[in-house]
Amino acid sequence: MSLQSLKKLYLIGMGRMGKSMIHGWLNGGLSSGSLQIIDPNIKTTDKFLTENNLKMSSIEEIDLTQGSIVVAVKPQSMEDVLSTLKEKVTSQTTIISIVAGYTTQDIRRYIGTEPQLIRTMPNTPAAIGKGMTAIFSDGKLTSNIRLEVEELFRAIGKYCWIEEEDSMHLITAISGSGPAYYYLLTEYLMDIATSKGLDPDIARLLVQQTFTGSASLAENFPNISPSQQRKNVTSPGGTTEAALKILMEDDKLKELFNEAINSATERSKILSK
């Protein structure tokens, strides 16, 4: 199974994440003729559509009795979309949702039991093909559908299947929201560096390259744990050790992160009710 072999794929919602997925799919070999975009807020003359030779359709006019539909709308639009899909989907339809806060049970209340249903949680680095997507299905998928889903999300980064849908709350807190934690730490380090006299451009270069380089190092040496990577940087009596003694004292930073993750997890649960 490859993206080149996909004959019919619909994307409902062409916001930031929708465009990120399209970039990945087209770069991964999906034919623009196999993809139809459904978004009433986008004009057919949209530059992104015309540059990529993409088709814009109306949800009312297309045949959704078979093929795969990726739903990438905002949560507040999901009810209207599902209400429309209810009368158009069959057992030959696969629905892939990336909408936060909507469980498979929520979606089933609208579309019934016939379509195959997949719920996913990607994150924003998908925009450059470096995303992380968690995938869950509430039923047994055919091997072809499973491979198709994997190809769609491999095109925008890495993916993992999960067995328990409730894990999506924690995954949302760790991976879905995770990029923001890195950006916040980047902000802090840049602010500290500039407040102590470094040029802002140099501060940004130093901090960003340190993050990207460290992430790449960890990715290239998966057999070395993050703990060991940290120790490799830390010389006894050196500058890194002096900083880490402050950051790791009494696990205060770890506890702060734990509190933050718990808050995000609980918020995810509230939003899905």
C-alpha atoms as a PDB file:
ATOM      1  CA  MET A   1       0.000   0.000   0.000  1.00  0.00           C
ATOM      2  CA  SER A   2       1.293   3.439  -0.948  1.00  0.00           C
ATOM      3  CA  LEU A   3      -0.207   6.894  -1.312  1.00  0.00           C
ATOM      4  CA  GLN A   4       0.181   6.567  -5.081  1.00  0.00           C
ATOM      5  CA  SER A   5      -2.375   3.753  -5.045  1.00  0.00           C
ATOM      6  CA  LEU A   6      -5.073   5.749  -3.245  1.00  0.00           C
ATOM      7  CA  LYS A   7      -7.950   6.421  -5.625  1.00  0.00           C
ATOM      8  CA  LYS A   8     -10.322   8.460  -3.489  1.00  0.00           C
ATOM      9  CA  LEU A   9      -9.574  10.624  -0.455  1.00  0.00           C
ATOM     10  CA  TYR A  10     -11.660  13.446   0.947  1.00  0.00           C
ATOM     11  CA  LEU A  11     -10.462  16.119   3.364  1.00  0.00           C
ATOM     12  CA  ILE A  12     -13.098  18.071   5.245  1.00  0.00           C
ATOM     13  CA  GLY A  13     -11.492  21.216   6.619  1.00  0.00           C
ATOM     14  CA  MET A  14      -8.433  22.921   5.139  1.00  0.00           C
ATOM     15  CA  GLY A  15      -7.110  24.851   8.108  1.00  0.00           C
ATOM     16  CA  ARG A  16      -3.516  24.830   9.296  1.00  0.00           C
ATOM     17  CA  MET A  17      -3.429  21.107  10.069  1.00  0.00           C
ATOM     18  CA  GLY A  18      -5.363  20.276   6.912  1.00  0.00           C
ATOM     19  CA  LYS A  19      -2.791  22.086   4.779  1.00  0.00           C
ATOM     20  CA  SER A  20       0.033  20.392   6.658  1.00  0.00           C
ATOM     21  CA  MET A  21      -1.423  16.992   5.859  1.00  0.00           C
ATOM     22  CA  ILE A  22      -1.949  17.896   2.202  1.00  0.00           C
ATOM     23  CA  HIS A  23       1.704  18.949   1.903  1.00  0.00           C
ATOM     24  CA  GLY A  24       2.819  15.633   3.347  1.00  0.00           C
ATOM     25  CA  TRP A  25       0.458  13.559   1.223  1.00  0.00           C
ATOM     26  CA  LEU A  26       1.405  15.219  -2.056  1.00  0.00           C
ATOM     27  CA  ASN A  27       5.105  14.983  -1.227  1.00  0.00           C
ATOM     28  CA  GLY A  28       4.524  11.332  -0.351  1.00  0.00           C
ATOM     29  CA  GLY A  29       3.156  10.573  -3.801  1.00  0.00           C
ATOM     30  CA  LEU A  30      -0.599  11.114  -3.513  1.00  0.00           C
ATOM     31  CA  SER A  31      -2.057  12.291  -6.806  1.00  0.00           C
ATOM     32  CA  SER A  32      -3.794  15.659  -6.560  1.00  0.00           C
ATOM     33  CA  GLY A  33      -6.577  14.141  -8.670  1.00  0.00           C
ATOM     34  CA  SER A  34      -7.310  11.594  -5.922  1.00  0.00           C
ATOM     35  CA  LEU A  35      -7.901  14.274  -3.288  1.00  0.00           C
ATOM     36  CA  GLN A  36     -10.995  16.396  -2.928  1.00  0.00           C
ATOM     37  CA  ILE A  37     -11.192  19.289  -0.468  1.00  0.00           C
ATOM     38  CA  ILE A  38     -14.389  20.219   1.333  1.00  0.00           C
ATOM     39  CA  ASP A  39     -14.334  23.563   3.138  1.00  0.00           C
ATOM     40  CA  PRO A  40     -17.027  26.222   2.601  1.00  0.00           C
ATOM     41  CA  ASN A  41     -14.676  28.879   3.981  1.00  0.00           C
ATOM     42  CA  ILE A  42     -12.126  28.372   1.196  1.00  0.00           C
ATOM     43  CA  LYS A  43     -12.615  29.867  -2.283  1.00  0.00           C
ATOM     44  CA  THR A  44     -11.948  27.766  -5.377  1.00  0.00           C
ATOM     45  CA  THR A  45      -9.449  30.447  -6.431  1.00  0.00           C
ATOM     46  CA  ASP A  46      -7.410  29.958  -3.255  1.00  0.00           C
ATOM     47  CA  LYS A  47      -3.706  30.122  -4.116  1.00  0.00           C
ATOM     48  CA  PHE A  48      -2.871  26.905  -2.251  1.00  0.00           C
ATOM     49  CA  LEU A  49      -5.530  25.003  -4.219  1.00  0.00           C
ATOM     50  CA  THR A  50      -4.547  26.345  -7.613  1.00  0.00           C
ATOM     51  CA  GLU A  51      -0.808  25.878  -7.067  1.00  0.00           C
ATOM     52  CA  ASN A  52      -1.348  22.231  -6.158  1.00  0.00           C
ATOM     53  CA  ASN A  53      -4.067  21.544  -8.745  1.00  0.00           C
ATOM     54  CA  LEU A  54      -6.535  20.514  -6.049  1.00  0.00           C
ATOM     55  CA  LYS A  55     -10.302  20.139  -6.392  1.00  0.00           C
ATOM     56  CA  MET A  56     -12.789  21.870  -4.141  1.00  0.00           C
ATOM     57  CA  SER A  57     -16.141  20.158  -3.577  1.00  0.00           C
ATOM     58  CA  SER A  58     -19.312  20.551  -1.567  1.00  0.00           C
ATOM     59  CA  ILE A  59     -20.152  17.935   1.033  1.00  0.00           C
ATOM     60  CA  GLU A  60     -23.704  17.818  -0.304  1.00  0.00           C
ATOM     61  CA  GLU A  61     -22.731  17.042  -3.892  1.00  0.00           C
ATOM     62  CA  ILE A  62     -20.129  14.291  -3.573  1.00  0.00           C
ATOM     63  CA  ASP A  63     -20.507  10.531  -3.225  1.00  0.00           C
ATOM     64  CA  LEU A  64     -19.242   9.418   0.179  1.00  0.00           C
ATOM     65  CA  THR A  65     -20.561   5.864   0.035  1.00  0.00           C
ATOM     66  CA  GLN A  66     -16.989   4.614  -0.285  1.00  0.00           C
ATOM     67  CA  GLY A  67     -13.449   5.876   0.174  1.00  0.00           C
ATOM     68  CA  SER A  68     -11.736   7.607   3.085  1.00  0.00           C
ATOM     69  CA  ILE A  69     -12.772  10.880   4.677  1.00  0.00           C
ATOM     70  CA  VAL A  70     -10.351  12.817   6.872  1.00  0.00           C
ATOM     71  CA  VAL A  71     -12.252  15.220   9.123  1.00  0.00           C
ATOM     72  CA  ALA A  72     -10.081  18.168  10.173  1.00  0.00           C
ATOM     73  CA  VAL A  73     -12.589  20.830  11.189  1.00  0.00           C
ATOM     74  CA  LYS A  74     -12.698  22.894  14.359  1.00  0.00           C
ATOM     75  CA  PRO A  75     -14.574  21.215  17.238  1.00  0.00           C
ATOM     76  CA  GLN A  76     -17.406  23.756  17.062  1.00  0.00           C
ATOM     77  CA  SER A  77     -18.100  22.701  13.451  1.00  0.00           C
ATOM     78  CA  MET A  78     -17.978  18.964  14.082  1.00  0.00           C
ATOM     79  CA  GLU A  79     -21.652  18.488  14.938  1.00  0.00           C
ATOM     80  CA  ASP A  80     -22.834  20.025  11.665  1.00  0.00           C
ATOM     81  CA  VAL A  81     -20.337  17.971   9.650  1.00  0.00           C
ATOM     82  CA  LEU A  82     -21.308  14.699  11.309  1.00  0.00           C
ATOM     83  CA  SER A  83     -25.007  15.429  10.892  1.00  0.00           C
ATOM     84  CA  THR A  84     -24.442  15.812   7.145  1.00  0.00           C
ATOM     85  CA  LEU A  85     -22.240  12.721   6.900  1.00  0.00           C
ATOM     86  CA  LYS A  86     -24.822  10.573   8.652  1.00  0.00           C
ATOM     87  CA  GLU A  87     -26.976  10.251   5.551  1.00  0.00           C
ATOM     88  CA  LYS A  88     -24.079   9.759   3.127  1.00  0.00           C
ATOM     89  CA  VAL A  89     -21.708   7.143   4.603  1.00  0.00           C
ATOM     90  CA  THR A  90     -21.875   3.328   4.391  1.00  0.00           C
ATOM     91  CA  SER A  91     -19.906   0.283   5.488  1.00  0.00           C
ATOM     92  CA  GLN A  92     -17.546   1.036   2.589  1.00  0.00           C
ATOM     93  CA  THR A  93     -16.652   4.434   4.049  1.00  0.00           C
ATOM     94  CA  THR A  94     -13.721   5.056   6.380  1.00  0.00           C
ATOM     95  CA  ILE A  95     -13.810   8.136   8.593  1.00  0.00           C
ATOM     96  CA  ILE A  96     -10.557   9.433  10.058  1.00  0.00           C
ATOM     97  CA  SER A  97     -11.012  12.187  12.632  1.00  0.00           C
ATOM     98  CA  ILE A  98      -8.294  14.518  13.890  1.00  0.00           C
ATOM     99  CA  VAL A  99     -10.797  16.660  15.817  1.00  0.00           C
ATOM    100  CA  ALA A 100      -9.889  17.148  19.475  1.00  0.00           C
ATOM    101  CA  GLY A 101     -12.514  16.422  22.103  1.00  0.00           C
ATOM    102  CA  TYR A 102     -14.655  14.059  19.996  1.00  0.00           C
ATOM    103  CA  THR A 103     -14.419  10.408  21.020  1.00  0.00           C
ATOM    104  CA  THR A 104     -15.339   7.540  18.726  1.00  0.00           C
ATOM    105  CA  GLN A 105     -18.475   7.104  20.820  1.00  0.00           C
ATOM    106  CA  ASP A 106     -19.412  10.744  20.193  1.00  0.00           C
ATOM    107  CA  ILE A 107     -18.901  10.287  16.457  1.00  0.00           C
ATOM    108  CA  ARG A 108     -20.802   6.986  16.350  1.00  0.00           C
ATOM    109  CA  ARG A 109     -23.875   8.727  17.730  1.00  0.00           C
ATOM    110  CA  TYR A 110     -24.090  10.566  14.421  1.00  0.00           C
ATOM    111  CA  ILE A 111     -22.711   8.158  11.821  1.00  0.00           C
ATOM    112  CA  GLY A 112     -23.943   4.848  13.253  1.00  0.00           C
ATOM    113  CA  THR A 113     -22.063   1.564  13.355  1.00  0.00           C
ATOM    114  CA  GLU A 114     -21.420   0.859   9.670  1.00  0.00           C
ATOM    115  CA  PRO A 115     -18.430   3.032   8.652  1.00  0.00           C
ATOM    116  CA  GLN A 116     -14.938   2.140   9.792  1.00  0.00           C
ATOM    117  CA  LEU A 117     -13.807   4.803  12.237  1.00  0.00           C
ATOM    118  CA  ILE A 118     -10.356   5.996  13.255  1.00  0.00           C
ATOM    119  CA  ARG A 119      -9.562   8.722  15.750  1.00  0.00           C
ATOM    120  CA  THR A 120      -6.154  10.402  15.692  1.00  0.00           C
ATOM    121  CA  MET A 121      -4.164  13.024  17.566  1.00  0.00           C
ATOM    122  CA  PRO A 122      -1.439  14.648  15.436  1.00  0.00           C
ATOM    123  CA  ASN A 123       0.621  17.668  16.468  1.00  0.00           C
ATOM    124  CA  THR A 124       1.808  20.821  14.730  1.00  0.00           C
ATOM    125  CA  PRO A 125       5.290  19.666  13.554  1.00  0.00           C
ATOM    126  CA  ALA A 126       3.295  17.735  10.954  1.00  0.00           C
ATOM    127  CA  ALA A 127       3.594  20.993   8.981  1.00  0.00           C
ATOM    128  CA  ILE A 128       7.201  20.054   8.136  1.00  0.00           C
ATOM    129  CA  GLY A 129       6.774  16.278   8.096  1.00  0.00           C
ATOM    130  CA  LYS A 130       7.989  15.924  11.697  1.00  0.00           C
ATOM    131  CA  GLY A 131       4.652  15.350  13.413  1.00  0.00           C
ATOM    132  CA  MET A 132       3.696  12.696  15.925  1.00  0.00           C
ATOM    133  CA  THR A 133       0.270  11.080  15.590  1.00  0.00           C
ATOM    134  CA  ALA A 134      -1.468   8.674  17.939  1.00  0.00           C
ATOM    135  CA  ILE A 135      -4.072   6.459  16.211  1.00  0.00           C
ATOM    136  CA  PHE A 136      -7.034   4.550  17.654  1.00  0.00           C
ATOM    137  CA  SER A 137      -9.839   2.541  16.091  1.00  0.00           C
ATOM    138  CA  ASP A 138     -12.934   1.331  17.890  1.00  0.00           C
ATOM    139  CA  GLY A 139     -13.161  -1.797  15.740  1.00  0.00           C
ATOM    140  CA  LYS A 140     -11.107  -4.275  13.776  1.00  0.00           C
ATOM    141  CA  LEU A 141      -9.812  -2.739  10.557  1.00  0.00           C
ATOM    142  CA  THR A 142      -9.067  -4.519   7.326  1.00  0.00           C
ATOM    143  CA  SER A 143      -5.367  -4.780   6.579  1.00  0.00           C
ATOM    144  CA  ASN A 144      -5.773  -2.455   3.589  1.00  0.00           C
ATOM    145  CA  ILE A 145      -7.458   0.265   5.642  1.00  0.00           C
ATOM    146  CA  ARG A 146      -4.845  -0.036   8.380  1.00  0.00           C
ATOM    147  CA  LEU A 147      -2.024   0.302   5.859  1.00  0.00           C
ATOM    148  CA  GLU A 148      -3.752   3.272   4.215  1.00  0.00           C
ATOM    149  CA  VAL A 149      -4.062   5.081   7.546  1.00  0.00           C
ATOM    150  CA  GLU A 150      -0.421   4.384   8.330  1.00  0.00           C
ATOM    151  CA  GLU A 151       0.687   5.765   4.971  1.00  0.00           C
ATOM    152  CA  LEU A 152      -1.374   8.928   5.473  1.00  0.00           C
ATOM    153  CA  PHE A 153       0.258   9.690   8.809  1.00  0.00           C
ATOM    154  CA  ARG A 154       3.717   8.433   7.917  1.00  0.00           C
ATOM    155  CA  ALA A 155       3.695  11.173   5.285  1.00  0.00           C
ATOM    156  CA  ILE A 156       3.555  13.832   8.017  1.00  0.00           C
ATOM    157  CA  GLY A 157       5.923  12.266  10.560  1.00  0.00           C
ATOM    158  CA  LYS A 158       5.741   9.276  12.879  1.00  0.00           C
ATOM    159  CA  TYR A 159       2.742   7.460  14.332  1.00  0.00           C
ATOM    160  CA  CYS A 160       1.762   4.906  16.935  1.00  0.00           C
ATOM    161  CA  TRP A 161      -1.377   2.805  17.440  1.00  0.00           C
ATOM    162  CA  ILE A 162      -2.941   2.765  20.885  1.00  0.00           C
ATOM    163  CA  GLU A 163      -5.215   0.120  22.377  1.00  0.00           C
ATOM    164  CA  GLU A 164      -7.197   2.251  24.849  1.00  0.00           C
ATOM    165  CA  GLU A 165      -8.989   5.375  23.696  1.00  0.00           C
ATOM    166  CA  ASP A 166      -8.819   6.900  27.180  1.00  0.00           C
ATOM    167  CA  SER A 167      -5.060   7.212  26.621  1.00  0.00           C
ATOM    168  CA  MET A 168      -5.847  10.019  24.168  1.00  0.00           C
ATOM    169  CA  HIS A 169      -6.299  12.427  27.076  1.00  0.00           C
ATOM    170  CA  LEU A 170      -2.751  11.888  28.308  1.00  0.00           C
ATOM    171  CA  ILE A 171      -1.404  11.793  24.750  1.00  0.00           C
ATOM    172  CA  THR A 172      -3.074  15.135  24.071  1.00  0.00           C
ATOM    173  CA  ALA A 173      -1.295  16.564  27.117  1.00  0.00           C
ATOM    174  CA  ILE A 174       2.095  15.040  26.248  1.00  0.00           C
ATOM    175  CA  SER A 175       2.271  15.126  22.456  1.00  0.00           C
ATOM    176  CA  GLY A 176      -0.595  17.284  21.233  1.00  0.00           C
ATOM    177  CA  SER A 177       0.279  20.158  23.559  1.00  0.00           C
ATOM    178  CA  GLY A 178       3.931  19.175  23.876  1.00  0.00           C
ATOM    179  CA  PRO A 179       5.396  21.530  21.238  1.00  0.00           C
ATOM    180  CA  ALA A 180       4.176  24.488  23.294  1.00  0.00           C
ATOM    181  CA  TYR A 181       6.263  23.340  26.268  1.00  0.00           C
ATOM    182  CA  TYR A 182       9.403  23.346  24.139  1.00  0.00           C
ATOM    183  CA  TYR A 183       8.549  26.772  22.750  1.00  0.00           C
ATOM    184  CA  LEU A 184       8.005  28.125  26.264  1.00  0.00           C
ATOM    185  CA  LEU A 185      11.397  26.871  27.400  1.00  0.00           C
ATOM    186  CA  THR A 186      12.901  28.381  24.244  1.00  0.00           C
ATOM    187  CA  GLU A 187      11.282  31.715  25.135  1.00  0.00           C
ATOM    188  CA  TYR A 188      12.660  31.597  28.673  1.00  0.00           C
ATOM    189  CA  LEU A 189      16.214  30.806  27.603  1.00  0.00           C
ATOM    190  CA  MET A 190      16.146  33.496  24.910  1.00  0.00           C
ATOM    191  CA  ASP A 191      14.769  36.090  27.348  1.00  0.00           C
ATOM    192  CA  ILE A 192      17.416  35.231  29.933  1.00  0.00           C
ATOM    193  CA  ALA A 193      20.192  35.363  27.342  1.00  0.00           C
ATOM    194  CA  THR A 194      19.126  38.767  25.996  1.00  0.00           C
ATOM    195  CA  SER A 195      18.568  40.197  29.483  1.00  0.00           C
ATOM    196  CA  LYS A 196      22.190  39.321  30.235  1.00  0.00           C
ATOM    197  CA  GLY A 197      23.489  41.120  27.173  1.00  0.00           C
ATOM    198  CA  LEU A 198      23.409  38.731  24.213  1.00  0.00           C
ATOM    199  CA  ASP A 199      22.169  40.012  20.864  1.00  0.00           C
ATOM    200  CA  PRO A 200      18.548  38.766  20.335  1.00  0.00           C
ATOM    201  CA  ASP A 201      19.359  37.127  16.997  1.00  0.00           C
ATOM    202  CA  ILE A 202      22.353  35.327  18.443  1.00  0.00           C
ATOM    203  CA  ALA A 203      20.303  34.258  21.483  1.00  0.00           C
ATOM    204  CA  ARG A 204      17.620  32.822  19.234  1.00  0.00           C
ATOM    205  CA  LEU A 205      20.145  30.977  17.072  1.00  0.00           C
ATOM    206  CA  LEU A 206      21.911  29.512  20.105  1.00  0.00           C
ATOM    207  CA  VAL A 207      18.722  28.320  21.787  1.00  0.00           C
ATOM    208  CA  GLN A 208      16.917  26.976  18.718  1.00  0.00           C
ATOM    209  CA  GLN A 209      19.927  25.142  17.336  1.00  0.00           C
ATOM    210  CA  THR A 210      20.589  23.648  20.772  1.00  0.00           C
ATOM    211  CA  PHE A 211      17.052  22.254  20.829  1.00  0.00           C
ATOM    212  CA  THR A 212      17.030  20.946  17.274  1.00  0.00           C
ATOM    213  CA  GLY A 213      20.528  19.525  17.585  1.00  0.00           C
ATOM    214  CA  SER A 214      19.733  17.788  20.864  1.00  0.00           C
ATOM    215  CA  ALA A 215      16.530  16.318  19.424  1.00  0.00           C
ATOM    216  CA  SER A 216      18.395  15.084  16.345  1.00  0.00           C
ATOM    217  CA  LEU A 217      21.120  13.553  18.503  1.00  0.00           C
ATOM    218  CA  ALA A 218      18.531  11.655  20.534  1.00  0.00           C
ATOM    219  CA  GLU A 219      16.789  10.487  17.354  1.00  0.00           C
ATOM    220  CA  ASN A 220      20.020   9.303  15.763  1.00  0.00           C
ATOM    221  CA  PHE A 221      21.058   7.339  18.842  1.00  0.00           C
ATOM    222  CA  PRO A 222      17.817   5.745  20.106  1.00  0.00           C
ATOM    223  CA  ASN A 223      19.794   3.186  22.122  1.00  0.00           C
ATOM    224  CA  ILE A 224      21.053   5.980  24.394  1.00  0.00           C
ATOM    225  CA  SER A 225      18.431   7.022  26.960  1.00  0.00           C
ATOM    226  CA  PRO A 226      17.659  10.706  27.611  1.00  0.00           C
ATOM    227  CA  SER A 227      19.051  10.213  31.095  1.00  0.00           C
ATOM    228  CA  GLN A 228      22.357   8.972  29.690  1.00  0.00           C
ATOM    229  CA  GLN A 229      22.420  11.771  27.109  1.00  0.00           C
ATOM    230  CA  ARG A 230      22.083  14.251  29.974  1.00  0.00           C
ATOM    231  CA  LYS A 231      24.893  12.577  31.889  1.00  0.00           C
ATOM    232  CA  ASN A 232      27.072  12.686  28.781  1.00  0.00           C
ATOM    233  CA  VAL A 233      26.846  16.475  28.827  1.00  0.00           C
ATOM    234  CA  THR A 234      27.396  16.765  32.573  1.00  0.00           C
ATOM    235  CA  SER A 235      30.999  16.909  33.738  1.00  0.00           C
ATOM    236  CA  PRO A 236      31.608  16.564  37.502  1.00  0.00           C
ATOM    237  CA  GLY A 237      32.068  19.993  39.003  1.00  0.00           C
ATOM    238  CA  GLY A 238      31.270  21.691  35.678  1.00  0.00           C
ATOM    239  CA  THR A 239      28.782  24.323  34.514  1.00  0.00           C
ATOM    240  CA  THR A 240      26.064  21.852  33.473  1.00  0.00           C
ATOM    241  CA  GLU A 241      26.144  20.163  36.846  1.00  0.00           C
ATOM    242  CA  ALA A 242      25.817  23.552  38.559  1.00  0.00           C
ATOM    243  CA  ALA A 243      22.693  24.346  36.541  1.00  0.00           C
ATOM    244  CA  LEU A 244      21.137  20.894  36.927  1.00  0.00           C
ATOM    245  CA  LYS A 245      21.524  21.006  40.710  1.00  0.00           C
ATOM    246  CA  ILE A 246      19.131  23.962  40.676  1.00  0.00           C
ATOM    247  CA  LEU A 247      16.711  22.474  38.125  1.00  0.00           C
ATOM    248  CA  MET A 248      16.598  19.004  39.692  1.00  0.00           C
ATOM    249  CA  GLU A 249      16.580  19.988  43.356  1.00  0.00           C
ATOM    250  CA  ASP A 250      13.952  17.951  45.232  1.00  0.00           C
ATOM    251  CA  ASP A 251      12.340  17.081  41.865  1.00  0.00           C
ATOM    252  CA  LYS A 252      10.673  20.506  41.890  1.00  0.00           C
ATOM    253  CA  LEU A 253      10.776  20.909  38.110  1.00  0.00           C
ATOM    254  CA  LYS A 254       9.505  17.364  37.588  1.00  0.00           C
ATOM    255  CA  GLU A 255       6.628  17.995  39.949  1.00  0.00           C
ATOM    256  CA  LEU A 256       5.780  21.234  38.160  1.00  0.00           C
ATOM    257  CA  PHE A 257       5.645  19.384  34.831  1.00  0.00           C
ATOM    258  CA  ASN A 258       3.562  16.648  36.433  1.00  0.00           C
ATOM    259  CA  GLU A 259       1.085  19.253  37.664  1.00  0.00           C
ATOM    260  CA  ALA A 260       0.935  20.836  34.207  1.00  0.00           C
ATOM    261  CA  ILE A 261       0.360  17.487  32.463  1.00  0.00           C
ATOM    262  CA  ASN A 262      -2.362  16.575  34.957  1.00  0.00           C
ATOM    263  CA  SER A 263      -4.090  19.900  34.288  1.00  0.00           C
ATOM    264  CA  ALA A 264      -3.970  19.406  30.513  1.00  0.00           C
ATOM    265  CA  THR A 265      -5.188  15.807  30.838  1.00  0.00           C
ATOM    266  CA  GLU A 266      -8.147  16.833  32.963  1.00  0.00           C
ATOM    267  CA  ARG A 267      -8.981  19.642  30.552  1.00  0.00           C
ATOM    268  CA  SER A 268      -9.013  17.128  27.696  1.00  0.00           C
ATOM    269  CA  LYS A 269     -11.480  14.980  29.639  1.00  0.00           C
ATOM    270  CA  ILE A 270     -13.750  17.970  30.267  1.00  0.00           C
ATOM    271  CA  LEU A 271     -13.701  19.006  26.604  1.00  0.00           C
ATOM    272  CA  SER A 272     -14.713  15.508  25.502  1.00  0.00           C
ATOM    273  CA  LYS A 273     -17.836  15.410  27.677  1.00  0.00           C
END
